Structures are given as C-alpha cells and as structure tokens.
Amino acid sequence: MACPGRAVGAFGAAEGTLQVLPSSGALTDAEPAAFQAAGHTRRDALEVVLGIGAYTRSTFANRLTRAAWTRAVSAPTGASGR
C-alpha cells in the first residue's frame, strides 16, 4: 500500500512495469536510481512488482478456470459516490 498522500502515478507505474518485466526484476543499477530520481520510493517499486504479481495470478486463474468475462460495474450516472 502506498504511503498516505503518495502513490505511484500512471506514468511511474507503467514505466516501472515496462522495465521490470523483460528483465524479470534484474534491473541495472541505473534503472531503480532513475525511478527514485523521478520521485518514487523503493516502496513504490515494490507496489509495481506486487501489481504485476496480482494481475498475473488473476489472469492465470481466470484462464485456467475459463471464468466468464463480465463488464465492470460502474456507478450510475449522477451517483453521489456515497
């Protein structure tokens, strides 16, 4: 979980994911340094890895069980969000 008030932005997560996947996490010293120089923490990098793992397991399980795909449920138009 991200620290309060701090989250990996879409660009940071995407960039981190693109770097982590092909190398299976074996990054050069410069790659994590660049991630941190962009304002992210080591904890943010761990969140990228955890997100990849959660997505991978979910996808594997859905394909293995041939789970039916359903449209995401969204709030009705005009909902207050409460």
N, C-alpha and C. Protein backbone atom coordinates (compact mmCIF):
# COMPACT_ATOMS: atom_id res chain seq x y z
N MET A 1 0.85 -1.18 0.00
CA MET A 1 0.00 0.00 0.00
C MET A 1 0.89 1.23 0.00
N ALA A 2 0.44 2.24 -0.67
CA ALA A 2 1.21 3.48 -0.76
C ALA A 2 1.12 4.24 0.55
N CYS A 3 2.12 5.04 0.79
CA CYS A 3 2.09 5.91 1.95
C CYS A 3 0.98 6.94 1.72
N PRO A 4 0.32 7.41 2.80
CA PRO A 4 -0.74 8.40 2.62
C PRO A 4 -0.23 9.59 1.83
N GLY A 5 -1.02 10.02 0.87
CA GLY A 5 -0.66 11.18 0.07
C GLY A 5 0.39 10.90 -0.99
N ARG A 6 0.80 9.65 -1.14
CA ARG A 6 1.85 9.33 -2.12
C ARG A 6 1.47 8.04 -2.83
N ALA A 7 1.36 8.11 -4.12
CA ALA A 7 1.01 6.92 -4.90
C ALA A 7 1.85 6.90 -6.16
N VAL A 8 2.05 5.73 -6.70
CA VAL A 8 2.76 5.62 -7.96
C VAL A 8 1.80 6.09 -9.03
N GLY A 9 2.17 7.16 -9.73
CA GLY A 9 1.32 7.68 -10.79
C GLY A 9 1.29 6.73 -11.97
N ALA A 10 0.35 6.95 -12.86
CA ALA A 10 0.19 6.07 -14.01
C ALA A 10 1.48 5.98 -14.81
N PHE A 11 2.15 7.10 -15.03
CA PHE A 11 3.39 7.07 -15.80
C PHE A 11 4.46 6.29 -15.05
N GLY A 12 4.61 6.54 -13.76
CA GLY A 12 5.62 5.85 -12.98
C GLY A 12 5.38 4.36 -12.93
N ALA A 13 4.14 3.95 -12.75
CA ALA A 13 3.82 2.53 -12.71
C ALA A 13 4.07 1.88 -14.06
N ALA A 14 3.64 2.55 -15.10
CA ALA A 14 3.84 1.99 -16.45
C ALA A 14 5.32 1.89 -16.77
N GLU A 15 6.06 2.93 -16.48
CA GLU A 15 7.49 2.94 -16.76
C GLU A 15 8.20 1.84 -15.95
N GLY A 16 7.85 1.73 -14.67
CA GLY A 16 8.45 0.71 -13.84
C GLY A 16 8.11 -0.69 -14.31
N THR A 17 6.86 -0.88 -14.72
CA THR A 17 6.43 -2.19 -15.20
C THR A 17 7.17 -2.56 -16.47
N LEU A 18 7.31 -1.60 -17.38
CA LEU A 18 8.00 -1.88 -18.65
C LEU A 18 9.45 -2.27 -18.41
N GLN A 19 10.07 -1.72 -17.39
CA GLN A 19 11.47 -2.04 -17.11
C GLN A 19 11.61 -3.37 -16.37
N VAL A 20 10.67 -3.68 -15.50
CA VAL A 20 10.78 -4.87 -14.64
C VAL A 20 10.45 -6.15 -15.41
N LEU A 21 9.46 -6.12 -16.27
CA LEU A 21 9.00 -7.35 -16.93
C LEU A 21 10.06 -8.04 -17.79
N PRO A 22 10.69 -7.36 -18.76
CA PRO A 22 11.62 -8.08 -19.63
C PRO A 22 12.82 -8.67 -18.89
N SER A 23 13.21 -8.03 -17.80
CA SER A 23 14.40 -8.49 -17.08
C SER A 23 14.06 -9.39 -15.90
N SER A 24 12.78 -9.67 -15.70
CA SER A 24 12.33 -10.44 -14.54
C SER A 24 12.86 -9.86 -13.23
N GLY A 25 12.92 -8.54 -13.18
CA GLY A 25 13.35 -7.85 -11.97
C GLY A 25 14.83 -7.61 -11.85
N ALA A 26 15.64 -8.14 -12.77
CA ALA A 26 17.10 -7.96 -12.71
C ALA A 26 17.46 -6.65 -13.41
N LEU A 27 17.22 -5.55 -12.74
CA LEU A 27 17.49 -4.24 -13.31
C LEU A 27 18.94 -3.83 -13.14
N THR A 28 19.39 -2.95 -14.00
CA THR A 28 20.72 -2.37 -13.82
C THR A 28 20.65 -1.42 -12.64
N ASP A 29 21.78 -1.00 -12.12
CA ASP A 29 21.78 -0.04 -11.01
C ASP A 29 21.14 1.28 -11.40
N ALA A 30 21.25 1.65 -12.67
CA ALA A 30 20.73 2.93 -13.13
C ALA A 30 19.19 2.96 -13.17
N GLU A 31 18.56 1.84 -13.43
CA GLU A 31 17.10 1.84 -13.59
C GLU A 31 16.36 2.15 -12.29
N PRO A 32 16.65 1.49 -11.17
CA PRO A 32 15.99 1.90 -9.93
C PRO A 32 16.37 3.31 -9.51
N ALA A 33 17.60 3.70 -9.79
CA ALA A 33 18.03 5.06 -9.45
C ALA A 33 17.21 6.09 -10.22
N ALA A 34 16.93 5.82 -11.49
CA ALA A 34 16.11 6.73 -12.30
C ALA A 34 14.68 6.77 -11.78
N PHE A 35 14.15 5.63 -11.35
CA PHE A 35 12.80 5.56 -10.79
C PHE A 35 12.72 6.42 -9.53
N GLN A 36 13.76 6.31 -8.68
CA GLN A 36 13.79 7.10 -7.45
C GLN A 36 14.03 8.58 -7.76
N ALA A 37 14.84 8.87 -8.76
CA ALA A 37 15.09 10.27 -9.13
C ALA A 37 13.81 10.94 -9.65
N ALA A 38 12.89 10.14 -10.18
CA ALA A 38 11.62 10.66 -10.67
C ALA A 38 10.64 10.92 -9.52
N GLY A 39 11.10 10.70 -8.28
CA GLY A 39 10.27 10.99 -7.12
C GLY A 39 9.60 9.79 -6.49
N HIS A 40 9.92 8.60 -6.97
CA HIS A 40 9.33 7.39 -6.42
C HIS A 40 10.25 6.77 -5.39
N THR A 41 9.68 5.94 -4.53
CA THR A 41 10.46 5.29 -3.47
C THR A 41 10.64 3.81 -3.79
N ARG A 42 11.45 3.16 -2.97
CA ARG A 42 11.61 1.71 -3.10
C ARG A 42 10.27 1.01 -2.84
N ARG A 43 9.50 1.59 -1.94
CA ARG A 43 8.18 1.03 -1.65
C ARG A 43 7.29 1.11 -2.90
N ASP A 44 7.36 2.22 -3.63
CA ASP A 44 6.61 2.35 -4.88
C ASP A 44 7.03 1.26 -5.86
N ALA A 45 8.32 0.98 -5.93
CA ALA A 45 8.82 -0.07 -6.83
C ALA A 45 8.25 -1.43 -6.42
N LEU A 46 8.17 -1.67 -5.12
CA LEU A 46 7.58 -2.93 -4.64
C LEU A 46 6.11 -3.02 -5.04
N GLU A 47 5.40 -1.89 -4.99
CA GLU A 47 4.00 -1.89 -5.40
C GLU A 47 3.86 -2.26 -6.88
N VAL A 48 4.79 -1.83 -7.71
CA VAL A 48 4.77 -2.21 -9.13
C VAL A 48 4.87 -3.73 -9.25
N VAL A 49 5.82 -4.31 -8.52
CA VAL A 49 6.02 -5.76 -8.58
C VAL A 49 4.80 -6.50 -8.03
N LEU A 50 4.23 -6.02 -6.94
CA LEU A 50 3.04 -6.66 -6.37
C LEU A 50 1.87 -6.57 -7.34
N GLY A 51 1.75 -5.45 -8.03
CA GLY A 51 0.68 -5.30 -9.01
C GLY A 51 0.82 -6.27 -10.16
N ILE A 52 2.05 -6.45 -10.63
CA ILE A 52 2.32 -7.41 -11.71
C ILE A 52 1.93 -8.81 -11.23
N GLY A 53 2.31 -9.16 -10.01
CA GLY A 53 2.00 -10.49 -9.47
C GLY A 53 0.51 -10.72 -9.33
N ALA A 54 -0.21 -9.72 -8.82
CA ALA A 54 -1.66 -9.86 -8.65
C ALA A 54 -2.35 -10.03 -10.00
N TYR A 55 -1.94 -9.21 -10.97
CA TYR A 55 -2.54 -9.30 -12.30
C TYR A 55 -2.24 -10.65 -12.94
N THR A 56 -1.00 -11.10 -12.81
CA THR A 56 -0.59 -12.37 -13.42
C THR A 56 -1.37 -13.53 -12.83
N ARG A 57 -1.48 -13.58 -11.50
CA ARG A 57 -2.22 -14.67 -10.86
C ARG A 57 -3.70 -14.64 -11.22
N SER A 58 -4.28 -13.46 -11.25
CA SER A 58 -5.68 -13.33 -11.60
C SER A 58 -5.93 -13.79 -13.03
N THR A 59 -5.09 -13.36 -13.95
CA THR A 59 -5.23 -13.75 -15.34
C THR A 59 -5.06 -15.26 -15.50
N PHE A 60 -4.04 -15.82 -14.85
CA PHE A 60 -3.80 -17.26 -14.92
C PHE A 60 -5.00 -18.04 -14.39
N ALA A 61 -5.53 -17.63 -13.25
CA ALA A 61 -6.67 -18.32 -12.65
C ALA A 61 -7.91 -18.22 -13.54
N ASN A 62 -8.15 -17.04 -14.10
CA ASN A 62 -9.32 -16.87 -14.96
C ASN A 62 -9.21 -17.72 -16.22
N ARG A 63 -8.03 -17.80 -16.78
CA ARG A 63 -7.85 -18.62 -17.98
C ARG A 63 -7.93 -20.10 -17.66
N LEU A 64 -7.35 -20.50 -16.53
CA LEU A 64 -7.36 -21.90 -16.12
C LEU A 64 -8.78 -22.39 -15.90
N THR A 65 -9.60 -21.56 -15.25
CA THR A 65 -10.97 -21.96 -14.94
C THR A 65 -11.96 -21.55 -16.01
N ARG A 66 -11.44 -20.89 -17.03
CA ARG A 66 -12.29 -20.38 -18.11
C ARG A 66 -13.44 -19.54 -17.54
N ALA A 67 -13.07 -18.68 -16.60
CA ALA A 67 -14.06 -17.81 -15.95
C ALA A 67 -14.71 -16.90 -16.99
N ALA A 68 -16.00 -16.70 -16.83
CA ALA A 68 -16.73 -15.83 -17.75
C ALA A 68 -16.30 -14.39 -17.53
N TRP A 69 -16.13 -13.68 -18.62
CA TRP A 69 -15.79 -12.27 -18.55
C TRP A 69 -17.06 -11.47 -18.33
N THR A 70 -17.03 -10.55 -17.39
CA THR A 70 -18.18 -9.68 -17.17
C THR A 70 -17.74 -8.24 -17.25
N ARG A 71 -18.63 -7.41 -17.69
CA ARG A 71 -18.34 -5.98 -17.78
C ARG A 71 -18.19 -5.43 -16.37
N ALA A 72 -17.24 -4.51 -16.20
CA ALA A 72 -17.04 -3.89 -14.89
C ALA A 72 -18.28 -3.10 -14.51
N VAL A 73 -18.63 -3.16 -13.25
CA VAL A 73 -19.80 -2.43 -12.76
C VAL A 73 -19.36 -1.01 -12.43
N SER A 74 -20.12 -0.05 -12.91
CA SER A 74 -19.79 1.33 -12.60
C SER A 74 -20.98 1.99 -11.93
N ALA A 75 -20.72 3.09 -11.26
CA ALA A 75 -21.78 3.81 -10.58
C ALA A 75 -22.74 4.40 -11.61
N PRO A 76 -24.02 4.44 -11.30
CA PRO A 76 -24.98 5.03 -12.23
C PRO A 76 -24.66 6.51 -12.45
N THR A 77 -25.01 7.01 -13.60
CA THR A 77 -24.80 8.42 -13.90
C THR A 77 -25.51 9.28 -12.86
N GLY A 78 -24.79 10.26 -12.35
CA GLY A 78 -25.38 11.16 -11.35
C GLY A 78 -25.25 10.66 -9.93
N ALA A 79 -24.61 9.51 -9.71
CA ALA A 79 -24.45 8.99 -8.36
C ALA A 79 -23.54 9.90 -7.56
N SER A 80 -23.82 10.04 -6.30
CA SER A 80 -23.06 10.95 -5.45
C SER A 80 -21.76 10.36 -4.97
N GLY A 81 -21.59 9.05 -5.08
CA GLY A 81 -20.35 8.40 -4.64
C GLY A 81 -20.34 8.10 -3.16
N ARG A 82 -21.47 8.26 -2.49
CA ARG A 82 -21.53 7.95 -1.06
C ARG A 82 -22.03 6.57 -0.83
